[in-house]
Protein backbone atom coordinates (compact mmCIF):
# COMPACT_ATOMS: atom_id res chain seq x y z
CA MET A 1 130.60 86.90 116.77
CA VAL A 2 127.09 87.97 116.41
CA TYR A 3 125.90 88.19 112.88
CA HIS A 4 122.88 89.72 111.35
CA PRO A 5 122.02 89.03 107.96
CA ARG A 6 123.15 92.33 106.20
CA ARG A 7 120.93 91.85 102.67
CA SER A 8 117.79 91.78 105.13
CA TYR A 9 117.84 95.34 105.61
CA ASP A 10 119.12 95.70 102.20
CA LEU A 11 116.06 94.26 100.78
CA TRP A 12 113.56 96.32 102.50
CA ASN A 13 115.57 99.66 100.93
CA THR A 14 116.63 100.33 104.33
CA ARG A 15 118.79 103.49 103.68
CA TYR A 16 120.26 104.56 107.32
CA PHE A 17 121.77 102.11 110.03
CA VAL A 18 121.86 103.77 113.93
CA LEU A 19 124.53 101.59 115.62
CA PRO A 20 126.59 101.63 118.61
CA VAL A 21 129.83 103.09 118.70
CA HIS A 22 131.05 100.46 121.42
CA PRO A 23 131.49 97.11 119.74
CA GLY A 24 132.07 95.39 122.65
CA ASP A 25 133.26 92.09 121.84
CA TRP A 26 131.15 91.49 118.87
CA ALA A 27 129.08 88.86 120.56
CA GLN A 28 126.40 90.84 122.14
CA GLU A 29 123.11 90.67 120.33
CA HIS A 30 122.69 94.63 120.53
CA ARG A 31 126.47 95.34 119.80
CA GLY A 32 127.26 92.65 116.97
CA TYR A 33 127.09 95.20 113.83
CA ALA A 34 130.36 94.28 111.83
CA SER A 35 128.11 93.25 108.80
CA PHE A 36 126.69 96.74 108.62
CA LEU A 37 130.21 97.99 107.99
CA GLN A 38 130.59 97.41 104.91
CA GLU A 39 129.41 99.73 102.03
CA THR A 40 128.38 102.47 104.36
CA GLU A 41 129.49 106.09 104.78
CA VAL A 42 128.97 107.37 108.17
CA ILE A 43 127.37 110.68 108.24
CA TYR A 44 127.23 111.06 112.50
CA PRO A 45 129.21 112.16 113.60
CA LYS A 46 131.19 113.70 110.81
CA ALA A 47 134.50 113.02 109.54
CA ASP A 48 135.78 116.73 110.90
CA ALA A 49 134.22 116.58 114.30
CA PHE A 50 137.30 115.24 116.45
CA SER A 51 140.15 117.24 114.49
CA GLY A 52 142.54 119.62 115.89
CA PRO A 53 144.56 119.06 119.04
CA LYS A 54 141.43 118.43 121.46
CA GLY A 55 140.04 115.31 118.49
CA LYS A 56 140.85 112.55 120.86
CA GLU A 57 139.60 114.28 124.21
CA LEU A 58 136.37 115.40 122.27
CA GLN A 59 135.65 112.05 120.93
CA ARG A 60 135.99 110.33 123.72
CA GLU A 61 133.41 112.57 125.46
CA LEU A 62 131.22 112.18 122.50
CA LEU A 63 131.49 108.69 122.95
CA GLU A 64 130.76 108.60 126.70
CA ARG A 65 127.82 111.13 126.17
CA GLU A 66 126.46 109.69 122.60
CA ASP A 67 126.84 106.23 122.22
CA PHE A 68 125.21 105.79 118.69
CA GLN A 69 126.80 106.72 115.36
CA ILE A 70 124.22 106.95 111.68
CA LEU A 71 125.32 105.24 108.70
CA ARG A 72 124.09 105.98 105.28
CA ASN A 73 123.73 102.36 103.31
CA LYS A 74 125.27 102.34 100.08
CA ALA A 75 123.64 99.22 98.92
CA ALA A 76 119.92 99.26 99.83
CA TYR A 77 117.70 98.00 96.63
CA PRO A 78 115.18 99.87 95.05
CA ARG A 79 111.76 100.04 96.30
CA ALA A 80 110.43 98.52 93.38
CA TRP A 81 112.29 96.25 90.52
CA VAL A 82 111.32 93.96 87.86
CA VAL A 83 112.48 90.18 87.87
CA HIS A 84 112.03 87.70 84.95
CA ARG A 85 112.73 84.44 87.00
CA ALA A 86 111.25 82.36 89.94
CA ARG A 87 111.97 80.01 91.95
CA TYR A 88 108.92 78.45 93.33
CA LEU A 89 108.49 77.29 97.17
CA GLU A 90 105.87 75.74 99.03
CA ARG A 91 103.06 78.11 100.56
CA ILE A 92 104.43 79.58 103.87
CA VAL A 93 101.16 79.39 105.79
CA GLY A 94 101.30 76.02 108.23
CA LEU A 95 105.13 75.68 107.36
CA GLY A 96 107.06 75.04 110.55
CA ARG A 97 110.55 77.19 111.54
CA LYS A 98 112.73 74.92 110.09
CA GLU A 99 110.72 74.67 106.48
CA ARG A 100 110.98 78.29 106.77
CA GLN A 101 114.41 78.77 107.49
CA GLY A 102 115.88 77.20 104.47
CA PRO A 103 114.02 79.31 101.63
CA MET A 104 114.99 82.42 103.83
CA GLU A 105 118.85 81.34 104.04
CA GLU A 106 118.90 81.24 100.33
CA MET A 107 117.21 84.81 99.84
CA LEU A 108 119.86 86.36 102.55
CA TYR A 109 123.03 84.30 101.79
CA PRO A 110 125.50 87.38 100.14
CA ASP A 111 128.81 85.40 100.33
CA ASP A 112 130.12 88.27 102.40
CA ALA A 113 133.41 88.68 104.39
CA PHE A 114 131.53 87.22 107.83
CA TRP A 115 128.95 84.71 105.99
CA LYS A 116 130.76 82.24 103.66
CA GLU A 117 129.18 78.63 103.18
CA PRO A 118 131.21 76.82 99.70
CA SER A 119 128.29 74.63 99.76
CA ARG A 120 125.68 77.62 98.86
CA ARG A 121 124.70 79.37 95.81
CA VAL A 122 124.70 83.44 95.85
CA HIS A 123 121.09 84.73 93.92
CA ASP A 124 120.46 87.84 93.45
CA PRO A 125 116.58 89.26 94.57
CA THR A 126 116.87 91.92 91.66
CA GLN A 127 116.83 89.15 89.09
CA ILE A 128 115.10 86.48 90.88
CA ALA A 129 111.67 86.33 92.71
CA TRP A 130 110.76 83.48 95.15
CA VAL A 131 106.98 82.96 94.92
CA GLU A 132 104.52 80.22 95.80
CA ALA A 133 104.34 77.07 93.78
CA ASP A 134 100.79 77.27 93.94
CA ASP A 135 101.18 80.40 91.71
CA ALA A 136 103.23 79.00 88.95
CA ALA A 137 100.45 78.23 86.38
CA ASN A 138 99.45 81.94 86.55
CA LEU A 139 102.76 83.30 86.40
CA ALA A 140 103.94 80.92 83.56
CA ALA A 141 103.65 83.54 80.99
CA PHE A 142 105.39 86.24 83.02
CA MET A 143 108.54 84.04 84.02
CA ASN A 144 111.53 83.18 81.91
CA THR A 145 111.51 85.86 80.05
CA ASN A 146 114.50 88.43 79.35
CA PRO A 147 114.94 91.51 80.92
CA GLY A 148 115.38 94.45 78.74
CA PRO A 149 117.36 97.71 78.91
CA ASN A 150 113.86 99.80 78.98
CA ASP A 151 112.94 97.97 82.31
CA SER A 152 111.97 100.17 85.24
CA ALA A 153 109.32 100.52 87.91
CA THR A 154 108.79 103.89 89.40
CA ILE A 155 107.30 104.73 92.76
CA THR A 156 105.42 108.06 91.21
CA SER A 157 102.99 108.28 94.78
CA TYR A 158 103.27 106.68 97.89
CA GLY A 159 101.07 106.62 101.32
CA PRO A 160 99.95 104.45 103.95
CA GLN A 161 97.18 103.41 102.31
CA ARG A 162 97.84 104.09 98.03
CA VAL A 163 100.84 103.34 96.23
CA VAL A 164 101.06 104.25 92.50
CA LEU A 165 104.20 102.89 90.41
CA ASP A 166 104.65 103.76 86.63
CA VAL A 167 106.50 100.64 84.89
CA ALA A 168 107.86 99.97 81.57
CA LEU A 169 108.73 96.42 80.71
CA ASP A 170 110.02 95.03 77.04
CA GLU A 171 108.92 91.72 77.95
CA PRO A 172 106.01 90.32 80.37
CA GLY A 173 107.70 89.93 83.83
CA LEU A 174 107.05 90.38 87.75
CA VAL A 175 107.34 93.74 89.42
CA VAL A 176 108.50 93.54 92.97
CA LEU A 177 107.49 96.04 95.27
CA ALA A 178 109.26 95.88 98.51
CA ASP A 179 105.95 96.60 100.72
CA VAL A 180 104.46 93.77 103.20
CA TYR A 181 102.23 91.28 101.73
CA TYR A 182 99.03 91.70 103.74
CA PRO A 183 95.47 90.96 103.58
CA GLY A 184 93.28 94.38 102.80
CA TRP A 185 95.31 95.35 99.62
CA ARG A 186 94.01 95.33 96.07
CA LEU A 187 95.71 96.07 93.14
CA THR A 188 94.65 97.60 89.84
CA ILE A 189 96.71 97.40 86.29
CA ASP A 190 95.71 99.88 84.07
CA GLY A 191 92.47 100.99 86.25
CA ARG A 192 91.51 96.83 85.79
CA PRO A 193 91.64 94.51 88.63
CA ALA A 194 94.80 92.62 88.94
CA PRO A 195 95.92 89.81 91.89
CA ILE A 196 98.82 90.41 94.22
CA TYR A 197 101.01 87.30 94.44
CA ARG A 198 103.44 87.03 97.44
CA ALA A 199 106.73 87.29 96.57
CA ASN A 200 110.34 86.77 98.46
CA ARG A 201 107.58 85.42 101.14
CA LEU A 202 106.92 88.92 102.51
CA MET A 203 106.64 91.12 99.95
CA ARG A 204 104.05 91.93 96.60
CA GLY A 205 104.69 90.80 93.22
CA ALA A 206 102.47 92.03 90.19
CA ALA A 207 102.68 90.14 86.93
CA VAL A 208 102.72 92.62 83.90
CA THR A 209 102.89 92.35 80.42
CA SER A 210 104.93 94.19 77.82
CA GLY A 211 104.48 97.74 77.55
CA LYS A 212 104.15 100.96 79.83
CA HIS A 213 101.41 100.38 82.60
CA ARG A 214 100.21 102.32 86.05
CA LEU A 215 100.15 99.95 88.94
CA VAL A 216 97.65 101.51 91.80
CA TYR A 217 97.96 99.44 95.27
CA THR A 218 94.86 100.42 97.28
CA TYR A 219 94.20 99.50 100.99
CA HIS A 220 90.61 98.37 101.80
CA PRO A 221 90.59 95.75 104.70
CA ARG A 222 87.17 93.95 105.36
CA SER A 223 87.38 95.82 108.91
CA PHE A 224 87.19 99.18 107.17
CA ARG A 225 84.08 97.95 104.81
CA VAL A 226 82.47 96.59 108.50
CA GLY A 227 83.01 99.55 110.36
CA THR A 228 81.47 101.86 107.42
CA TRP A 229 78.38 99.30 106.67
CA THR A 230 77.83 99.57 111.06
CA THR A 231 78.39 103.24 110.89
CA THR A 232 76.08 104.26 108.02
CA ALA A 233 73.50 101.60 109.33
CA GLY A 234 73.43 103.32 112.87
CA LEU A 235 73.16 106.36 111.38
CA ALA A 236 70.33 105.41 109.16
CA ALA A 237 68.52 104.25 111.94
CA LEU A 238 69.51 107.59 114.35
CA PHE A 239 68.11 109.52 111.20
CA VAL A 240 64.71 107.61 111.40
CA LEU A 241 64.50 108.24 114.97
CA ALA A 242 64.76 111.77 114.73
CA VAL A 243 62.19 112.15 112.39
CA GLY A 244 59.39 109.89 114.33
CA CYS A 245 60.58 111.90 117.31
CA PHE A 246 60.02 115.31 115.22
CA ARG A 247 56.69 114.86 113.75
CA HIS A 248 55.45 113.15 116.76
CA PRO A 249 57.11 114.79 119.87
CA VAL A 250 54.25 113.34 122.50
CA SER A 251 53.08 109.99 122.10
CA PRO A 252 48.88 109.81 122.30
CA ARG A 253 48.92 107.51 124.74
CA ILE A 254 51.20 109.11 127.45
CA GLY A 255 49.03 112.63 127.00
CA PRO A 256 50.51 115.87 128.28
CA PRO A 257 51.87 115.78 131.76
CA ARG A 258 49.11 116.10 134.60
CA ASN A 259 49.02 118.25 137.60
CA THR A 260 48.90 116.26 141.00
CA SER A 261 49.71 118.95 143.31
CA GLY A 262 45.69 119.92 143.76
CA ASP A 263 45.37 123.22 142.57
CA ASP A 264 44.56 123.18 139.00
CA PRO A 265 40.67 122.89 139.09
CA GLU A 266 41.17 120.58 136.02
CA GLY A 267 43.24 118.24 137.88
CA PRO A 268 42.70 114.97 139.44
CA LEU A 269 41.38 116.11 142.72
CA ALA A 270 38.23 118.32 141.38
CA ARG A 271 37.40 115.32 139.46
CA ASP A 272 37.54 113.20 142.23
CA VAL A 273 35.64 115.42 145.05
CA GLY A 274 34.40 118.34 142.54
CA VAL A 275 35.10 122.07 142.97
CA ILE A 276 33.40 123.83 145.79
CA ASP A 277 32.41 127.26 144.91
C-alpha cells in the first residue's frame, strides 16, 4: 500500500484533509490515504447525510458525482511551540538525497499502525528540535534546560510578511515556528535584532531567554531593497529631468521653429532674395 508520512502534515499544522472517497486498492499514489484516517473527524459529507430509507442510494449518487471527503485533523501540531532539547545534524546545504532522507525519517517516524520498525526510536518534535551542528555553540545556553509549566508561544498577529508571537519561558529554550525557513526573513526579540536558526530542516527557530518576550518576524528580501533603490533612483532622475525641462523649455541652440513656406517676411526666403516692394 502507499503510505504518506502523516506526521509531516501534522507538523505543519495541517487542519483539514481533502481526500478521495474510493481508496481503490490502496496502492495508488493519489488514493493511498490510509494514514490520514486516524485521529480525524469527518465533516463532509455530514454523518446524517445518508440516513433514511434512501440513504444508500443517496450515498452512491454522491460518490459517483463527488469523489471527495473532508476530514478535520485532530492531531495537528500548534503553529508555534517551545523545546529545550536538540539533535544536531549536518548542514542540509550540499547534502545528497540519501543523506537528507535519514534525518527526515527520524523526525517523521510515528510508530503508528502502518509504519512500524522496531529498530527505530520515536522522537517527539514538540520536545526536541533538529538543528544544524554549526549552531551548536550559539544554542548551548538555550538547550538542555527544563520545560516549565508556564512555557507558551502564542501567535498574536499573522500575515504574509509579518508574524508576531508572544512567548513565555520558565527557562531558556528554542521557540519553533512552523513557517518555512527562507532568506529575507528577519527577527527581532523585544525590538532587538536576533538570529533565525534552521529548525527541523525547514522551520524557523528563535533562541529565547527566560521570561516574557515578543518576537516579530518580518520579510525584507534583498530583491525588495534593490527594487526600492532602483525605483527611487529612477524617480529622482525623472524629477531632475522634469525640473530642467520646466526651467528651460526650449534649447537656445535650437531656437524657435522656422517658417520654411516662404510667406514670412522674416523667413529664409526674405533673407536670401530680399523683399520686393
